[in-house]
Amino acid sequence: MKLPYTVLWMVFGFLVTLMLYIDLSLQRHSHAVSVKEAGIWSVIWVLVSLLFNGGIFLWLGPAKGLEFLTGYLLEKSLSVDNLFVFVIIFEYFAVPPRDQPRILKWGILGAVVMRFLFIFAGLELLKRFHWVLYVFGGILVWSGVKMAFEKERKVAPEHNPALRFFKRLMPITTQFEGARFFTLVQGIRYATPLFVTLLVVETSDIVFAVDSIPAIMAITRDPFIVYTSNVFAILGLRAMYFLLSAVLGGFRYLKTGISLILCFIGFKMLAVEFIPIPTVVSLSVVTAVLTLSIAASLIGQGAGGGVKEREGERR
């Protein structure tokens, strides 16, 4: 039984609004998120995403269901790489753990709005100018190669153009004022470091979108699938950050895996006229590369731990 897209958009809007209300209502008071809490919410968001994916299989057919699942896994893998950047930004501004959920909450809500604008602008460009497809493919291949040879993710918040422009508009305090983004000092309104951190997180998402949006468009051009898979991948990002931030350094081969995925998706875009790659093949490649890179990281981490233990015994 196929449902009209209007009904599906309404179901999507209701489900996301309900989940955000439940999630955010439990986060009214600033507190450091425990690994247990982050784990529970990560599982909940994944289950809700898969439940929605099941609805797409049922209401739009297997082809659309595979497109959503492939897009969701692709965007999820790219968002994991973004967590490295969030860790660096929070460390740079010395954001207390209890205030990090507040920044991520507003950062993710802002990302949902910005992705809507970027996705529909990108789809319109592809509809009007076919050659943009090759530009997107080239960006993905370039990003993948650059990531593969990049020793470490460099982030310099002090050089962020939006932050430098904002400093001209409003003075900034050096002290945190609890969970407030703005404060009054002798009758003058100042931005707190918390707002500055949020500004850098939001503008960083624009850079992330340069990779993620063309990547999902290599899987499908259906606006509903593109946007919903993007949103579900983003909405679980806050919980996943607190679940993985402590161990992100241990997944040393994950970046290599993500770079291979970007190159593959970029190649799929560039070769679409000559070698059409089915969605099921894309899903298989993304799943296999992610699984192998995580497994290799865990094996390498275990082997490294064993070496360290043996070195400790010798001493």
Protein backbone atom coordinates (compact mmCIF):
# COMPACT_ATOMS: atom_id res chain seq x y z
CA MET A 1 0.00 0.00 0.00
CA LYS A 2 1.62 3.23 -1.18
CA LEU A 3 0.90 6.49 0.62
CA PRO A 4 1.05 9.99 -0.91
CA TYR A 5 4.21 11.97 -0.12
CA THR A 6 2.08 14.60 1.63
CA VAL A 7 1.02 12.01 4.21
CA LEU A 8 4.60 10.76 4.58
CA TRP A 9 5.91 14.29 5.19
CA MET A 10 3.26 14.70 7.90
CA VAL A 11 4.22 11.38 9.52
CA PHE A 12 7.90 12.37 9.41
CA GLY A 13 7.21 15.81 10.90
CA PHE A 14 5.05 14.37 13.69
CA LEU A 15 7.57 11.64 14.56
CA VAL A 16 10.58 13.97 14.64
CA THR A 17 8.71 16.63 16.63
CA LEU A 18 7.54 14.04 19.17
CA MET A 19 11.00 12.52 19.59
CA LEU A 20 12.67 15.92 19.92
CA TYR A 21 10.10 17.00 22.52
CA ILE A 22 10.72 13.86 24.59
CA ASP A 23 14.50 14.08 24.21
CA LEU A 24 14.80 17.81 24.94
CA SER A 25 12.25 17.82 27.77
CA LEU A 26 14.58 15.44 29.61
CA GLN A 27 17.48 17.83 29.03
CA ARG A 28 16.00 21.01 30.53
CA HIS A 29 18.65 21.20 33.24
CA SER A 30 22.33 21.36 32.31
CA HIS A 31 24.18 18.21 33.32
CA ALA A 32 27.03 16.03 32.14
CA VAL A 33 25.64 13.17 30.05
CA SER A 34 26.68 9.75 31.31
CA VAL A 35 27.76 6.93 29.00
CA LYS A 36 24.68 4.95 30.08
CA GLU A 37 22.29 7.80 29.20
CA ALA A 38 24.06 8.42 25.88
CA GLY A 39 23.94 4.69 25.07
CA ILE A 40 20.21 4.45 25.77
CA TRP A 41 19.39 7.45 23.58
CA SER A 42 21.71 6.26 20.80
CA VAL A 43 19.85 2.95 20.68
CA ILE A 44 16.47 4.74 20.77
CA TRP A 45 17.36 7.02 17.83
CA VAL A 46 18.68 4.09 15.77
CA LEU A 47 15.53 2.05 16.48
CA VAL A 48 13.25 4.98 15.55
CA SER A 49 15.24 5.49 12.32
CA LEU A 50 14.95 1.80 11.42
CA LEU A 51 11.23 1.85 12.28
CA PHE A 52 10.77 4.78 9.90
CA ASN A 53 12.85 2.90 7.32
CA GLY A 54 10.46 -0.04 7.70
CA GLY A 55 7.57 2.31 6.99
CA ILE A 56 9.28 3.46 3.79
CA PHE A 57 9.72 -0.17 2.68
CA LEU A 58 6.03 -0.72 3.34
CA TRP A 59 4.62 2.53 1.91
CA LEU A 60 7.05 3.37 -0.93
CA GLY A 61 8.49 -0.02 -1.83
CA PRO A 62 11.82 -1.87 -1.43
CA ALA A 63 13.76 0.41 -3.80
CA LYS A 64 13.01 3.54 -1.75
CA GLY A 65 13.59 1.59 1.46
CA LEU A 66 17.10 0.61 0.30
CA GLU A 67 17.81 4.20 -0.72
CA PHE A 68 16.88 5.46 2.75
CA LEU A 69 18.94 2.78 4.52
CA THR A 70 21.99 3.44 2.33
CA GLY A 71 21.66 7.20 2.78
CA TYR A 72 21.19 6.83 6.54
CA LEU A 73 24.30 4.65 6.95
CA LEU A 74 26.30 6.98 4.70
CA GLU A 75 25.28 10.12 6.61
CA LYS A 76 25.80 8.36 9.95
CA SER A 77 29.35 7.40 9.01
CA LEU A 78 30.14 10.95 7.87
CA SER A 79 28.65 12.39 11.06
CA VAL A 80 30.94 10.16 13.17
CA ASP A 81 33.92 11.89 11.59
CA ASN A 82 32.37 15.22 12.58
CA LEU A 83 32.52 14.17 16.23
CA PHE A 84 36.30 14.50 16.12
CA VAL A 85 35.84 18.17 15.28
CA PHE A 86 33.30 18.70 18.09
CA VAL A 87 35.78 17.25 20.58
CA ILE A 88 38.47 19.69 19.43
CA ILE A 89 36.08 22.68 19.55
CA PHE A 90 34.88 21.88 23.07
CA GLU A 91 38.46 21.40 24.26
CA TYR A 92 39.58 24.65 22.63
CA PHE A 93 36.88 26.73 24.36
CA ALA A 94 37.12 24.66 27.59
CA VAL A 95 33.35 24.05 27.62
CA PRO A 96 32.27 22.30 30.86
CA PRO A 97 30.76 18.82 30.28
CA ARG A 98 27.42 19.93 31.79
CA ASP A 99 27.05 22.67 29.13
CA GLN A 100 28.06 20.58 26.10
CA PRO A 101 24.57 19.01 25.67
CA ARG A 102 23.03 22.51 25.41
CA ILE A 103 25.40 23.51 22.62
CA LEU A 104 24.85 20.25 20.74
CA LYS A 105 21.07 20.61 21.14
CA TRP A 106 20.95 24.02 19.46
CA GLY A 107 23.70 23.07 17.02
CA ILE A 108 21.77 20.04 15.79
CA LEU A 109 18.48 21.96 15.53
CA GLY A 110 20.29 24.59 13.47
CA ALA A 111 21.79 21.86 11.30
CA VAL A 112 18.31 20.43 10.59
CA VAL A 113 17.20 23.83 9.25
CA MET A 114 20.39 24.48 7.27
CA ARG A 115 20.37 21.01 5.70
CA PHE A 116 16.80 21.64 4.52
CA LEU A 117 17.93 24.78 2.68
CA PHE A 118 21.12 23.22 1.28
CA ILE A 119 19.47 19.97 0.17
CA PHE A 120 16.64 21.59 -1.75
CA ALA A 121 19.03 24.16 -3.26
CA GLY A 122 21.35 21.32 -4.34
CA LEU A 123 18.50 19.29 -5.84
CA GLU A 124 17.30 22.34 -7.75
CA LEU A 125 20.82 22.89 -9.11
CA LEU A 126 21.03 19.28 -10.28
CA LYS A 127 17.62 19.60 -11.93
CA ARG A 128 18.59 22.74 -13.82
CA PHE A 129 22.29 22.07 -14.52
CA HIS A 130 23.32 18.45 -15.13
CA TRP A 131 27.04 19.31 -15.04
CA VAL A 132 26.75 20.13 -11.32
CA LEU A 133 26.59 16.35 -10.80
CA TYR A 134 30.24 16.07 -11.87
CA VAL A 135 31.21 19.00 -9.65
CA PHE A 136 29.65 17.21 -6.65
CA GLY A 137 31.40 13.98 -7.61
CA GLY A 138 34.74 15.76 -7.89
CA ILE A 139 34.24 17.37 -4.46
CA LEU A 140 33.60 13.97 -2.89
CA VAL A 141 36.66 12.33 -4.47
CA TRP A 142 38.85 15.29 -3.49
CA SER A 143 37.50 15.23 0.08
CA GLY A 144 38.10 11.49 0.33
CA VAL A 145 41.69 11.69 -0.93
CA LYS A 146 42.42 14.68 1.30
CA MET A 147 41.02 12.88 4.35
CA ALA A 148 43.06 9.75 3.59
CA PHE A 149 46.36 11.65 3.58
CA GLU A 150 45.49 14.09 6.36
CA LYS A 151 47.45 13.15 9.49
CA GLU A 152 45.02 14.85 11.85
CA ARG A 153 41.88 16.95 11.58
CA LYS A 154 42.97 20.58 11.97
CA VAL A 155 40.51 22.98 13.49
CA ALA A 156 41.40 26.62 14.19
CA PRO A 157 38.34 28.31 15.72
CA GLU A 158 40.21 31.60 16.07
CA HIS A 159 40.39 31.78 12.25
CA ASN A 160 36.68 31.03 11.75
CA PRO A 161 35.35 33.81 9.42
CA ALA A 162 31.92 33.90 11.08
CA LEU A 163 33.52 34.26 14.53
CA ARG A 164 35.85 37.03 13.37
CA PHE A 165 32.91 38.89 11.83
CA PHE A 166 30.79 38.39 14.97
CA LYS A 167 33.54 39.91 17.14
CA ARG A 168 33.07 43.16 15.21
CA LEU A 169 29.36 43.22 16.04
CA MET A 170 29.36 42.29 19.72
CA PRO A 171 31.90 42.12 22.55
CA ILE A 172 32.65 38.71 24.03
CA THR A 173 33.32 37.84 27.67
CA THR A 174 36.03 35.41 28.71
CA GLN A 175 33.95 33.94 31.54
CA PHE A 176 31.15 31.40 31.31
CA GLU A 177 27.83 32.61 32.77
CA GLY A 178 26.22 29.27 33.56
CA ALA A 179 24.07 28.10 30.66
CA ARG A 180 23.52 31.61 29.28
CA PHE A 181 24.55 32.61 25.77
CA PHE A 182 24.47 36.35 26.54
CA THR A 183 25.05 38.48 29.64
CA LEU A 184 24.97 42.14 30.68
CA VAL A 185 28.14 43.82 31.94
CA GLN A 186 27.66 47.42 33.14
CA GLY A 187 24.59 47.71 30.92
CA ILE A 188 26.36 46.38 27.81
CA ARG A 189 25.30 43.06 26.27
CA TYR A 190 28.13 40.56 25.83
CA ALA A 191 28.21 37.14 24.20
CA THR A 192 29.52 34.37 26.44
CA PRO A 193 32.04 31.70 25.39
CA LEU A 194 29.08 29.30 25.25
CA PHE A 195 27.50 31.26 22.37
CA VAL A 196 30.86 31.59 20.63
CA THR A 197 31.26 27.81 20.78
CA LEU A 198 27.75 27.35 19.34
CA LEU A 199 28.60 29.75 16.50
CA VAL A 200 31.72 27.75 15.61
CA VAL A 201 29.78 24.44 15.79
CA GLU A 202 27.04 25.81 13.49
CA THR A 203 29.47 27.17 10.91
CA SER A 204 31.46 23.93 11.03
CA ASP A 205 28.28 22.09 10.00
CA ILE A 206 28.24 24.14 6.81
CA VAL A 207 31.64 22.65 5.97
CA PHE A 208 30.35 19.15 6.84
CA ALA A 209 27.39 19.67 4.50
CA VAL A 210 29.77 20.12 1.54
CA ASP A 211 30.60 16.40 1.84
CA SER A 212 27.38 14.90 3.17
CA ILE A 213 24.79 16.48 0.87
CA PRO A 214 26.47 15.61 -2.46
CA ALA A 215 27.10 12.10 -1.05
CA ILE A 216 23.43 11.38 -0.38
CA MET A 217 22.49 12.83 -3.78
CA ALA A 218 24.65 10.13 -5.38
CA ILE A 219 22.28 7.59 -3.83
CA THR A 220 18.94 9.24 -4.65
CA ARG A 221 17.42 12.48 -5.91
CA ASP A 222 14.15 11.94 -4.07
CA PRO A 223 13.85 15.03 -1.78
CA PHE A 224 11.92 13.05 0.83
CA ILE A 225 14.55 10.29 1.08
CA VAL A 226 17.47 12.74 0.95
CA TYR A 227 16.16 14.98 3.73
CA THR A 228 14.70 12.35 6.05
CA SER A 229 17.80 10.14 5.99
CA ASN A 230 19.92 13.23 6.68
CA VAL A 231 17.76 14.34 9.58
CA PHE A 232 17.60 10.95 11.28
CA ALA A 233 21.39 10.63 11.04
CA ILE A 234 21.85 14.12 12.54
CA LEU A 235 19.29 13.81 15.35
CA GLY A 236 21.10 10.87 16.93
CA LEU A 237 24.41 12.73 16.78
CA ARG A 238 24.20 14.36 20.22
CA ALA A 239 23.77 11.07 22.09
CA MET A 240 26.40 9.40 19.93
CA TYR A 241 28.88 12.18 20.74
CA PHE A 242 28.79 11.44 24.46
CA LEU A 243 28.86 7.72 23.80
CA LEU A 244 31.90 7.79 21.52
CA SER A 245 33.84 10.96 22.48
CA ALA A 246 35.87 9.09 25.09
CA VAL A 247 36.95 6.37 22.66
CA LEU A 248 37.02 8.13 19.28
CA GLY A 249 40.81 8.07 19.27
CA GLY A 250 40.71 4.28 19.39
CA PHE A 251 38.99 4.02 15.98
CA ARG A 252 42.17 4.89 14.11
CA TYR A 253 41.11 3.23 10.84
CA LEU A 254 37.64 4.78 10.79
CA LYS A 255 38.86 7.89 9.00
CA THR A 256 40.45 5.71 6.32
CA GLY A 257 37.17 3.86 5.89
CA ILE A 258 35.19 7.10 5.58
CA SER A 259 37.66 8.45 3.01
CA LEU A 260 37.21 5.26 0.91
CA ILE A 261 33.42 5.65 1.12
CA LEU A 262 33.65 9.28 -0.05
CA CYS A 263 35.86 8.27 -2.98
CA PHE A 264 33.48 5.44 -3.93
CA ILE A 265 30.40 7.69 -3.80
CA GLY A 266 32.26 10.38 -5.77
CA PHE A 267 33.21 7.81 -8.41
CA LYS A 268 29.58 6.67 -8.57
CA MET A 269 28.55 10.26 -9.34
CA LEU A 270 31.25 10.81 -11.95
CA ALA A 271 30.58 7.49 -13.72
CA VAL A 272 26.79 7.53 -13.52
CA GLU A 273 26.42 7.88 -17.31
CA PHE A 274 28.81 5.00 -18.05
CA ILE A 275 28.69 2.58 -15.08
CA PRO A 276 25.38 2.87 -13.20
CA ILE A 277 25.90 1.39 -9.72
CA PRO A 278 22.71 -0.06 -8.15
CA THR A 279 21.67 1.10 -4.69
CA VAL A 280 22.08 -2.41 -3.25
CA VAL A 281 25.75 -2.37 -4.32
CA SER A 282 26.26 1.04 -2.71
CA LEU A 283 24.66 -0.23 0.50
CA SER A 284 26.91 -3.29 0.48
CA VAL A 285 30.07 -1.23 -0.08
CA VAL A 286 29.23 1.34 2.64
CA THR A 287 28.33 -1.40 5.14
CA ALA A 288 31.39 -3.53 4.35
CA VAL A 289 33.88 -0.64 4.53
CA LEU A 290 32.43 0.65 7.80
CA THR A 291 32.44 -2.83 9.36
CA LEU A 292 36.00 -3.60 8.26
CA SER A 293 37.40 -0.23 9.39
CA ILE A 294 35.78 -0.53 12.84
CA ALA A 295 36.89 -4.19 13.18
CA ALA A 296 40.45 -3.31 12.13
CA SER A 297 40.50 -0.45 14.66
CA LEU A 298 39.31 -2.72 17.48
CA ILE A 299 41.81 -5.44 16.55
CA GLY A 300 44.61 -2.88 16.29
CA GLN A 301 43.59 -1.34 19.61
CA GLY A 302 43.63 -4.77 21.28
CA ALA A 303 47.01 -5.61 19.79
CA GLY A 304 48.38 -2.24 20.88
CA GLY A 305 47.05 -2.82 24.38
CA GLY A 306 48.73 -6.23 24.48
CA VAL A 307 52.06 -4.73 23.40
CA LYS A 308 51.82 -2.05 26.09
CA GLU A 309 51.03 -4.68 28.74
CA ARG A 310 54.06 -6.76 27.71
CA GLU A 311 56.28 -3.68 27.76
CA GLY A 312 54.99 -2.87 31.23
CA GLU A 313 55.82 -6.42 32.40
CA ARG A 314 59.40 -6.11 31.11
CA ARG A 315 59.83 -2.90 33.09
